[in-house]
């Protein structure tokens, strides 16, 4: 893969801002996977080489090491310098680095659930725009709540939609 292609793909990764960890990580993993650079994230680090290491072991180690190095560069590129120091300097693998960042910045599910639920309940149709898109937005919020293990039954959702439409 050419440097130009890698650069073009990595430019599509949103900058990590401290509150978008889930989306940022998903984008990183998709880009690395599509570029076939995610080997170090999929495979555990092989044992260090010795004089007795076979040619295949050397190839696998070099492939993993290169993948890890490139992964770390791409991951760190998408993180502002102020956040880079939050991961320990002892971390040497891309998967460990992602885990360190995740420990510090992953969203609190309860806070996110509260925010989504408040948004769903307070959403009101303003009489402008496509009603179908407005209803789809409400269903989208409900699906996000389901992903956070808060089931919003369809009957309740239909009533919330109708109530929110009546306030015009």
N, C-alpha and C. Protein backbone atom coordinates (compact mmCIF):
# COMPACT_ATOMS: atom_id res chain seq x y z
N UNK A 1 0.85 -1.17 0.00
CA UNK A 1 0.00 0.00 0.00
C UNK A 1 0.89 1.24 0.00
N UNK A 2 0.57 2.19 -0.84
CA UNK A 2 1.41 3.38 -0.97
C UNK A 2 1.19 4.35 0.19
N UNK A 3 2.18 5.20 0.42
CA UNK A 3 2.09 6.21 1.48
C UNK A 3 0.94 7.17 1.20
N UNK A 4 0.69 7.48 -0.05
CA UNK A 4 -0.41 8.38 -0.42
C UNK A 4 -1.75 7.77 -0.05
N UNK A 5 -1.90 6.48 -0.33
CA UNK A 5 -3.15 5.79 0.00
C UNK A 5 -3.36 5.73 1.51
N UNK A 6 -2.30 5.44 2.24
CA UNK A 6 -2.40 5.40 3.71
C UNK A 6 -2.77 6.78 4.24
N UNK A 7 -2.13 7.80 3.73
CA UNK A 7 -2.42 9.17 4.15
C UNK A 7 -3.86 9.55 3.86
N UNK A 8 -4.35 9.21 2.68
CA UNK A 8 -5.73 9.53 2.31
C UNK A 8 -6.72 8.84 3.24
N UNK A 9 -6.45 7.57 3.55
CA UNK A 9 -7.34 6.82 4.43
C UNK A 9 -7.30 7.35 5.86
N UNK A 10 -6.13 7.65 6.36
CA UNK A 10 -6.03 8.14 7.74
C UNK A 10 -6.62 9.53 7.90
N UNK A 11 -6.70 10.30 6.82
CA UNK A 11 -7.34 11.61 6.89
C UNK A 11 -8.85 11.50 7.13
N UNK A 12 -9.41 10.31 6.88
CA UNK A 12 -10.84 10.08 7.10
C UNK A 12 -11.15 9.72 8.55
N UNK A 13 -10.15 9.57 9.39
CA UNK A 13 -10.36 9.25 10.80
C UNK A 13 -10.62 10.55 11.54
N UNK A 14 -11.76 10.63 12.25
CA UNK A 14 -12.03 11.87 12.99
C UNK A 14 -11.02 12.03 14.13
N UNK A 15 -10.73 13.26 14.50
CA UNK A 15 -9.81 13.53 15.60
C UNK A 15 -10.49 13.14 16.91
N UNK A 16 -9.79 12.43 17.75
CA UNK A 16 -10.31 12.05 19.06
C UNK A 16 -10.41 13.30 19.92
N UNK A 17 -11.56 13.51 20.58
CA UNK A 17 -11.74 14.72 21.37
C UNK A 17 -12.03 14.46 22.84
N UNK A 18 -11.95 13.21 23.25
CA UNK A 18 -12.19 12.87 24.64
C UNK A 18 -13.59 12.36 24.90
N UNK A 19 -14.54 12.72 24.04
CA UNK A 19 -15.91 12.25 24.25
C UNK A 19 -16.43 11.40 23.10
N UNK A 20 -15.62 11.18 22.09
CA UNK A 20 -16.07 10.40 20.93
C UNK A 20 -15.28 9.09 20.80
N UNK A 21 -14.89 8.51 21.92
CA UNK A 21 -14.01 7.33 21.88
C UNK A 21 -14.60 6.20 21.04
N UNK A 22 -15.86 5.86 21.28
CA UNK A 22 -16.46 4.73 20.59
C UNK A 22 -16.42 4.90 19.07
N UNK A 23 -16.85 6.06 18.58
CA UNK A 23 -16.84 6.32 17.13
C UNK A 23 -15.41 6.40 16.59
N UNK A 24 -14.53 7.05 17.35
CA UNK A 24 -13.13 7.18 16.92
C UNK A 24 -12.48 5.81 16.80
N UNK A 25 -12.67 4.94 17.81
CA UNK A 25 -12.07 3.61 17.78
C UNK A 25 -12.64 2.79 16.63
N UNK A 26 -13.94 2.87 16.42
CA UNK A 26 -14.57 2.14 15.32
C UNK A 26 -13.97 2.56 13.98
N UNK A 27 -13.78 3.87 13.79
CA UNK A 27 -13.17 4.37 12.55
C UNK A 27 -11.74 3.87 12.40
N UNK A 28 -10.97 3.92 13.47
CA UNK A 28 -9.58 3.43 13.44
C UNK A 28 -9.56 1.97 13.00
N UNK A 29 -10.39 1.13 13.64
CA UNK A 29 -10.40 -0.30 13.34
C UNK A 29 -10.84 -0.58 11.90
N UNK A 30 -11.82 0.16 11.42
CA UNK A 30 -12.29 -0.03 10.04
C UNK A 30 -11.18 0.35 9.05
N UNK A 31 -10.57 1.51 9.25
CA UNK A 31 -9.52 1.97 8.33
C UNK A 31 -8.35 1.00 8.34
N UNK A 32 -7.88 0.60 9.53
CA UNK A 32 -6.74 -0.33 9.61
C UNK A 32 -7.10 -1.67 8.99
N UNK A 33 -8.33 -2.13 9.20
CA UNK A 33 -8.76 -3.39 8.62
C UNK A 33 -8.84 -3.33 7.11
N UNK A 34 -9.42 -2.26 6.58
CA UNK A 34 -9.54 -2.11 5.13
C UNK A 34 -8.18 -1.99 4.45
N UNK A 35 -7.22 -1.40 5.16
CA UNK A 35 -5.89 -1.25 4.60
C UNK A 35 -5.03 -2.49 4.87
N UNK A 36 -5.61 -3.49 5.54
CA UNK A 36 -4.92 -4.73 5.91
C UNK A 36 -3.67 -4.43 6.75
N UNK A 37 -3.81 -3.47 7.68
CA UNK A 37 -2.71 -3.11 8.56
C UNK A 37 -2.99 -3.50 10.01
N UNK A 38 -4.09 -4.19 10.26
CA UNK A 38 -4.52 -4.47 11.63
C UNK A 38 -3.99 -5.79 12.20
N UNK A 39 -2.98 -6.35 11.58
CA UNK A 39 -2.44 -7.65 12.02
C UNK A 39 -2.08 -7.65 13.50
N UNK A 40 -1.42 -6.62 13.97
CA UNK A 40 -1.00 -6.55 15.38
C UNK A 40 -2.18 -6.42 16.33
N UNK A 41 -3.31 -5.95 15.83
CA UNK A 41 -4.51 -5.85 16.66
C UNK A 41 -5.28 -7.16 16.70
N UNK A 42 -5.10 -7.99 15.68
CA UNK A 42 -5.81 -9.27 15.60
C UNK A 42 -5.03 -10.43 16.17
N UNK A 43 -3.71 -10.33 16.18
CA UNK A 43 -2.84 -11.45 16.57
C UNK A 43 -1.99 -11.02 17.77
N UNK A 44 -1.88 -11.92 18.76
CA UNK A 44 -1.03 -11.63 19.92
C UNK A 44 0.43 -11.50 19.48
N UNK A 45 1.16 -10.72 20.26
CA UNK A 45 2.58 -10.52 19.97
C UNK A 45 3.30 -11.86 20.02
N UNK A 46 4.04 -12.20 18.95
CA UNK A 46 4.78 -13.46 18.96
C UNK A 46 5.96 -13.37 19.92
N UNK A 47 6.49 -14.53 20.32
CA UNK A 47 7.66 -14.51 21.21
C UNK A 47 8.84 -13.80 20.54
N UNK A 48 9.67 -13.18 21.38
CA UNK A 48 10.85 -12.50 20.83
C UNK A 48 11.75 -13.51 20.13
N UNK A 49 12.48 -13.02 19.15
CA UNK A 49 13.34 -13.89 18.35
C UNK A 49 14.58 -14.32 19.13
N UNK A 50 15.01 -15.52 18.83
CA UNK A 50 16.25 -16.05 19.41
C UNK A 50 17.12 -16.56 18.28
N UNK A 51 18.30 -17.03 18.61
CA UNK A 51 19.18 -17.60 17.58
C UNK A 51 18.54 -18.84 16.97
N UNK A 52 17.66 -19.51 17.73
CA UNK A 52 17.04 -20.74 17.26
C UNK A 52 15.74 -20.49 16.49
N UNK A 53 15.34 -19.23 16.33
CA UNK A 53 14.09 -18.92 15.63
C UNK A 53 14.19 -19.31 14.16
N UNK A 54 13.09 -19.88 13.67
CA UNK A 54 13.05 -20.30 12.27
C UNK A 54 12.81 -19.09 11.37
N UNK A 55 12.97 -19.29 10.08
CA UNK A 55 12.74 -18.21 9.11
C UNK A 55 11.27 -17.77 9.16
N UNK A 56 10.36 -18.72 9.32
CA UNK A 56 8.93 -18.37 9.39
C UNK A 56 8.63 -17.57 10.66
N UNK A 57 9.22 -17.94 11.78
CA UNK A 57 9.03 -17.20 13.02
C UNK A 57 9.57 -15.76 12.87
N UNK A 58 10.70 -15.63 12.18
CA UNK A 58 11.26 -14.31 11.93
C UNK A 58 10.34 -13.47 11.06
N UNK A 59 9.77 -14.08 10.01
CA UNK A 59 8.83 -13.37 9.12
C UNK A 59 7.59 -12.94 9.90
N UNK A 60 7.04 -13.85 10.71
CA UNK A 60 5.84 -13.52 11.49
C UNK A 60 6.11 -12.41 12.49
N UNK A 61 7.28 -12.47 13.14
CA UNK A 61 7.63 -11.44 14.11
C UNK A 61 7.79 -10.09 13.41
N UNK A 62 8.49 -10.08 12.28
CA UNK A 62 8.69 -8.83 11.54
C UNK A 62 7.37 -8.27 11.02
N UNK A 63 6.47 -9.15 10.56
CA UNK A 63 5.16 -8.71 10.08
C UNK A 63 4.37 -8.10 11.24
N UNK A 64 4.38 -8.76 12.41
CA UNK A 64 3.66 -8.26 13.56
C UNK A 64 4.26 -6.93 14.03
N UNK A 65 5.58 -6.87 14.09
CA UNK A 65 6.27 -5.67 14.57
C UNK A 65 5.99 -4.47 13.66
N UNK A 66 6.02 -4.67 12.36
CA UNK A 66 5.72 -3.59 11.42
C UNK A 66 4.28 -3.14 11.57
N UNK A 67 3.37 -4.10 11.66
CA UNK A 67 1.96 -3.77 11.83
C UNK A 67 1.75 -2.98 13.12
N UNK A 68 2.37 -3.40 14.19
CA UNK A 68 2.24 -2.72 15.48
C UNK A 68 2.77 -1.29 15.39
N UNK A 69 3.91 -1.13 14.77
CA UNK A 69 4.53 0.20 14.63
C UNK A 69 3.63 1.14 13.83
N UNK A 70 3.10 0.66 12.71
CA UNK A 70 2.23 1.47 11.86
C UNK A 70 0.92 1.77 12.59
N UNK A 71 0.37 0.76 13.28
CA UNK A 71 -0.87 0.96 14.05
C UNK A 71 -0.69 2.05 15.09
N UNK A 72 0.41 2.00 15.83
CA UNK A 72 0.67 3.02 16.85
C UNK A 72 0.78 4.41 16.23
N UNK A 73 1.47 4.52 15.09
CA UNK A 73 1.60 5.82 14.43
C UNK A 73 0.23 6.37 14.01
N UNK A 74 -0.59 5.51 13.41
CA UNK A 74 -1.91 5.95 12.93
C UNK A 74 -2.82 6.29 14.11
N UNK A 75 -2.79 5.47 15.16
CA UNK A 75 -3.61 5.73 16.34
C UNK A 75 -3.21 7.05 16.98
N UNK A 76 -1.91 7.24 17.19
CA UNK A 76 -1.44 8.45 17.84
C UNK A 76 -1.69 9.69 16.99
N UNK A 77 -1.71 9.53 15.67
CA UNK A 77 -1.97 10.66 14.78
C UNK A 77 -3.36 11.22 15.00
N UNK A 78 -4.31 10.37 15.38
CA UNK A 78 -5.69 10.80 15.57
C UNK A 78 -6.00 11.28 16.98
N UNK A 79 -4.97 11.38 17.82
CA UNK A 79 -5.16 11.81 19.21
C UNK A 79 -4.40 13.10 19.43
N UNK A 80 -5.06 14.14 19.93
CA UNK A 80 -4.34 15.38 20.21
C UNK A 80 -3.21 15.14 21.21
N UNK A 81 -2.16 15.89 21.09
CA UNK A 81 -0.98 15.70 21.93
C UNK A 81 -1.31 15.75 23.43
N UNK A 82 -2.28 16.56 23.79
CA UNK A 82 -2.66 16.68 25.21
C UNK A 82 -3.18 15.37 25.78
N UNK A 83 -3.80 14.53 24.92
CA UNK A 83 -4.33 13.24 25.38
C UNK A 83 -3.31 12.11 25.29
N UNK A 84 -2.30 12.28 24.46
CA UNK A 84 -1.32 11.19 24.25
C UNK A 84 -0.62 10.80 25.53
N UNK A 85 -0.37 11.76 26.40
CA UNK A 85 0.33 11.48 27.64
C UNK A 85 -0.48 10.68 28.64
N UNK A 86 -1.79 10.50 28.37
CA UNK A 86 -2.62 9.76 29.31
C UNK A 86 -2.33 8.27 29.28
N UNK A 87 -1.75 7.79 28.20
CA UNK A 87 -1.37 6.38 28.12
C UNK A 87 0.05 6.24 28.65
N UNK A 88 0.28 5.20 29.36
CA UNK A 88 1.59 4.96 29.98
C UNK A 88 2.68 4.86 28.92
N UNK A 89 3.85 5.37 29.26
CA UNK A 89 4.99 5.30 28.34
C UNK A 89 5.48 3.86 28.17
N UNK A 90 5.12 2.98 29.11
CA UNK A 90 5.56 1.59 29.06
C UNK A 90 4.78 0.77 28.03
N UNK A 91 3.66 1.30 27.57
CA UNK A 91 2.83 0.60 26.59
C UNK A 91 3.56 0.56 25.25
N UNK A 92 3.76 -0.64 24.73
CA UNK A 92 4.51 -0.78 23.49
C UNK A 92 3.70 -1.39 22.36
N UNK A 93 2.48 -1.84 22.64
CA UNK A 93 1.68 -2.44 21.57
C UNK A 93 0.45 -1.59 21.30
N UNK A 94 -0.02 -1.64 20.07
CA UNK A 94 -1.18 -0.87 19.67
C UNK A 94 -2.42 -1.28 20.45
N UNK A 95 -2.59 -2.58 20.67
CA UNK A 95 -3.78 -3.04 21.41
C UNK A 95 -3.74 -2.56 22.86
N UNK A 96 -2.57 -2.56 23.49
CA UNK A 96 -2.44 -2.06 24.86
C UNK A 96 -2.71 -0.55 24.88
N UNK A 97 -2.23 0.16 23.88
CA UNK A 97 -2.42 1.61 23.81
C UNK A 97 -3.91 1.94 23.70
N UNK A 98 -4.62 1.22 22.83
CA UNK A 98 -6.06 1.44 22.70
C UNK A 98 -6.77 1.14 24.02
N UNK A 99 -6.36 0.07 24.70
CA UNK A 99 -6.97 -0.29 25.98
C UNK A 99 -6.73 0.80 27.02
N UNK A 100 -5.54 1.37 27.05
CA UNK A 100 -5.23 2.46 27.99
C UNK A 100 -6.10 3.68 27.71
N UNK A 101 -6.23 4.04 26.45
CA UNK A 101 -7.05 5.19 26.09
C UNK A 101 -8.51 4.91 26.46
N UNK A 102 -8.96 3.69 26.18
CA UNK A 102 -10.34 3.33 26.48
C UNK A 102 -10.63 3.42 27.98
N UNK A 103 -9.70 2.97 28.81
CA UNK A 103 -9.90 3.03 30.26
C UNK A 103 -10.15 4.47 30.72
N UNK A 104 -9.50 5.41 30.08
CA UNK A 104 -9.60 6.80 30.51
C UNK A 104 -10.75 7.58 29.88
N UNK A 105 -11.19 7.15 28.70
CA UNK A 105 -12.13 8.00 27.98
C UNK A 105 -13.44 7.33 27.57
N UNK A 106 -13.63 6.06 27.83
CA UNK A 106 -14.88 5.42 27.42
C UNK A 106 -16.02 6.08 28.20
N UNK A 107 -17.13 6.27 27.53
CA UNK A 107 -18.27 6.96 28.14
C UNK A 107 -18.89 6.11 29.25
N UNK A 108 -19.42 6.80 30.21
CA UNK A 108 -20.18 6.15 31.26
C UNK A 108 -21.55 5.83 30.67
N UNK A 109 -21.90 4.54 30.61
CA UNK A 109 -23.15 4.12 29.98
C UNK A 109 -24.38 4.71 30.67
N UNK A 110 -24.34 4.85 31.99
CA UNK A 110 -25.50 5.39 32.69
C UNK A 110 -25.72 6.86 32.33
N UNK A 111 -24.66 7.61 32.21
CA UNK A 111 -24.80 9.02 31.83
C UNK A 111 -25.31 9.13 30.40
N UNK A 112 -24.79 8.29 29.52
CA UNK A 112 -25.24 8.31 28.13
C UNK A 112 -26.70 7.90 28.03
N UNK A 113 -27.10 6.88 28.80
CA UNK A 113 -28.49 6.43 28.81
C UNK A 113 -29.41 7.55 29.27
N UNK A 114 -29.02 8.25 30.33
CA UNK A 114 -29.83 9.37 30.84
C UNK A 114 -29.98 10.46 29.79
N UNK A 115 -28.90 10.79 29.13
CA UNK A 115 -28.94 11.84 28.10
C UNK A 115 -29.84 11.43 26.94
N UNK A 116 -29.69 10.19 26.46
CA UNK A 116 -30.52 9.73 25.34
C UNK A 116 -31.99 9.69 25.72
N UNK A 117 -32.29 9.20 26.92
CA UNK A 117 -33.66 9.11 27.37
C UNK A 117 -34.28 10.51 27.49
N UNK A 118 -33.53 11.44 28.05
CA UNK A 118 -34.01 12.82 28.16
C UNK A 118 -34.27 13.41 26.77
N UNK A 119 -33.38 13.13 25.82
CA UNK A 119 -33.56 13.63 24.45
C UNK A 119 -34.81 13.03 23.82
N UNK A 120 -35.02 11.74 24.02
CA UNK A 120 -36.18 11.06 23.43
C UNK A 120 -37.48 11.62 24.00
N UNK A 121 -37.52 11.82 25.29
CA UNK A 121 -38.75 12.29 25.94
C UNK A 121 -39.03 13.75 25.61
N UNK A 122 -37.99 14.56 25.50
CA UNK A 122 -38.20 15.99 25.28
C UNK A 122 -38.27 16.40 23.81
N UNK A 123 -38.02 15.48 22.90
CA UNK A 123 -38.04 15.81 21.48
C UNK A 123 -39.44 16.23 21.05
N UNK A 124 -39.54 17.34 20.35
CA UNK A 124 -40.82 17.86 19.87
C UNK A 124 -40.70 18.22 18.40
N UNK A 125 -41.70 17.85 17.63
CA UNK A 125 -41.72 18.20 16.21
C UNK A 125 -42.09 19.67 16.09
N UNK A 126 -41.31 20.41 15.35
CA UNK A 126 -41.49 21.86 15.27
C UNK A 126 -42.34 22.30 14.08
N UNK A 127 -42.88 21.35 13.36
CA UNK A 127 -43.73 21.70 12.22
C UNK A 127 -42.96 21.97 10.95
N UNK A 128 -41.66 21.86 11.00
CA UNK A 128 -40.83 22.09 9.82
C UNK A 128 -40.08 20.81 9.49
N UNK A 129 -39.86 20.58 8.25
CA UNK A 129 -39.09 19.41 7.84
C UNK A 129 -39.97 18.18 7.66
N UNK A 130 -39.33 17.12 7.32
CA UNK A 130 -39.99 15.87 6.99
C UNK A 130 -40.39 15.13 8.27
N UNK A 131 -41.67 14.83 8.42
CA UNK A 131 -42.16 14.11 9.61
C UNK A 131 -41.54 12.72 9.69
N UNK A 132 -41.39 12.08 8.54
CA UNK A 132 -40.80 10.74 8.52
C UNK A 132 -39.39 10.76 9.10
N UNK A 133 -38.58 11.75 8.71
CA UNK A 133 -37.22 11.87 9.24
C UNK A 133 -37.24 12.13 10.74
N UNK A 134 -38.19 12.92 11.20
CA UNK A 134 -38.33 13.20 12.62
C UNK A 134 -38.64 11.91 13.39
N UNK A 135 -39.57 11.11 12.87
CA UNK A 135 -39.94 9.85 13.51
C UNK A 135 -38.75 8.88 13.49
N UNK A 136 -38.02 8.86 12.37
CA UNK A 136 -36.84 7.99 12.27
C UNK A 136 -35.79 8.40 13.30
N UNK A 137 -35.67 9.70 13.57
CA UNK A 137 -34.73 10.17 14.57
C UNK A 137 -35.11 9.62 15.95
N UNK A 138 -36.43 9.61 16.24
CA UNK A 138 -36.88 9.06 17.52
C UNK A 138 -36.59 7.56 17.61
N UNK A 139 -36.81 6.83 16.54
CA UNK A 139 -36.52 5.40 16.53
C UNK A 139 -35.02 5.15 16.66
N UNK A 140 -34.23 6.04 16.08
CA UNK A 140 -32.78 5.93 16.20
C UNK A 140 -32.34 6.11 17.65
N UNK A 141 -32.91 7.08 18.34
CA UNK A 141 -32.60 7.26 19.77
C UNK A 141 -32.99 6.02 20.57
N UNK A 142 -34.15 5.44 20.24
CA UNK A 142 -34.60 4.23 20.93
C UNK A 142 -33.64 3.06 20.67
N UNK A 143 -33.12 2.97 19.45
CA UNK A 143 -32.17 1.88 19.15
C UNK A 143 -30.86 2.07 19.91
N UNK A 144 -30.44 3.32 20.09
CA UNK A 144 -29.24 3.59 20.88
C UNK A 144 -29.47 3.18 22.34
N UNK A 145 -30.67 3.43 22.84
CA UNK A 145 -31.01 3.02 24.20
C UNK A 145 -31.01 1.50 24.32
N UNK A 146 -31.53 0.81 23.30
CA UNK A 146 -31.51 -0.66 23.31
C UNK A 146 -30.08 -1.19 23.36
N UNK A 147 -29.19 -0.53 22.64
CA UNK A 147 -27.78 -0.94 22.64
C UNK A 147 -27.16 -0.77 24.02
N UNK A 148 -27.72 0.14 24.81
CA UNK A 148 -27.23 0.37 26.17
C UNK A 148 -28.04 -0.43 27.19
N UNK A 149 -28.81 -1.40 26.71
CA UNK A 149 -29.57 -2.33 27.54
C UNK A 149 -30.79 -1.69 28.23
N UNK A 150 -31.35 -0.66 27.62
CA UNK A 150 -32.60 -0.09 28.10
C UNK A 150 -33.62 -0.27 26.99
N UNK A 151 -34.53 -1.21 27.19
CA UNK A 151 -35.51 -1.55 26.17
C UNK A 151 -36.66 -0.56 26.20
N UNK A 152 -36.91 0.07 25.07
CA UNK A 152 -38.05 0.96 24.91
C UNK A 152 -39.03 0.22 24.01
N UNK A 153 -40.15 -0.22 24.59
CA UNK A 153 -41.08 -1.02 23.79
C UNK A 153 -41.68 -0.16 22.68
N UNK A 154 -42.07 -0.83 21.62
CA UNK A 154 -42.56 -0.12 20.44
C UNK A 154 -43.84 0.66 20.73
N UNK A 155 -44.73 0.11 21.58
CA UNK A 155 -45.96 0.82 21.93
C UNK A 155 -45.66 2.15 22.61
N UNK A 156 -44.70 2.14 23.54
CA UNK A 156 -44.33 3.37 24.23
C UNK A 156 -43.73 4.37 23.25
N UNK A 157 -42.91 3.87 22.35
CA UNK A 157 -42.28 4.74 21.36
C UNK A 157 -43.33 5.39 20.45
N UNK A 158 -44.31 4.62 20.03
CA UNK A 158 -45.39 5.16 19.19
C UNK A 158 -46.13 6.26 19.95
N UNK A 159 -46.42 6.04 21.24
CA UNK A 159 -47.10 7.07 22.04
C UNK A 159 -46.24 8.32 22.19
N UNK A 160 -44.94 8.13 22.40
CA UNK A 160 -44.04 9.29 22.50
C UNK A 160 -44.03 10.10 21.21
N UNK A 161 -44.03 9.40 20.08
CA UNK A 161 -44.07 10.08 18.79
C UNK A 161 -45.37 10.88 18.64
N UNK A 162 -46.49 10.22 18.95
CA UNK A 162 -47.79 10.90 18.81
C UNK A 162 -47.89 12.11 19.73
N UNK A 163 -47.46 11.96 20.96
CA UNK A 163 -47.49 13.07 21.93
C UNK A 163 -46.63 14.23 21.42
N UNK A 164 -45.46 13.90 20.90
CA UNK A 164 -44.54 14.96 20.45
C UNK A 164 -45.08 15.66 19.21
N UNK A 165 -45.90 14.99 18.42
CA UNK A 165 -46.49 15.61 17.23
C UNK A 165 -47.67 16.50 17.58
N UNK A 166 -48.34 16.21 18.70
CA UNK A 166 -49.53 16.95 19.09
C UNK A 166 -49.22 18.32 19.66
N UNK A 167 -48.00 18.60 20.01
CA UNK A 167 -47.65 19.86 20.67
C UNK A 167 -47.53 21.03 19.71
N UNK A 168 -47.97 20.89 18.49
CA UNK A 168 -47.87 22.01 17.53
C UNK A 168 -49.06 22.89 17.61
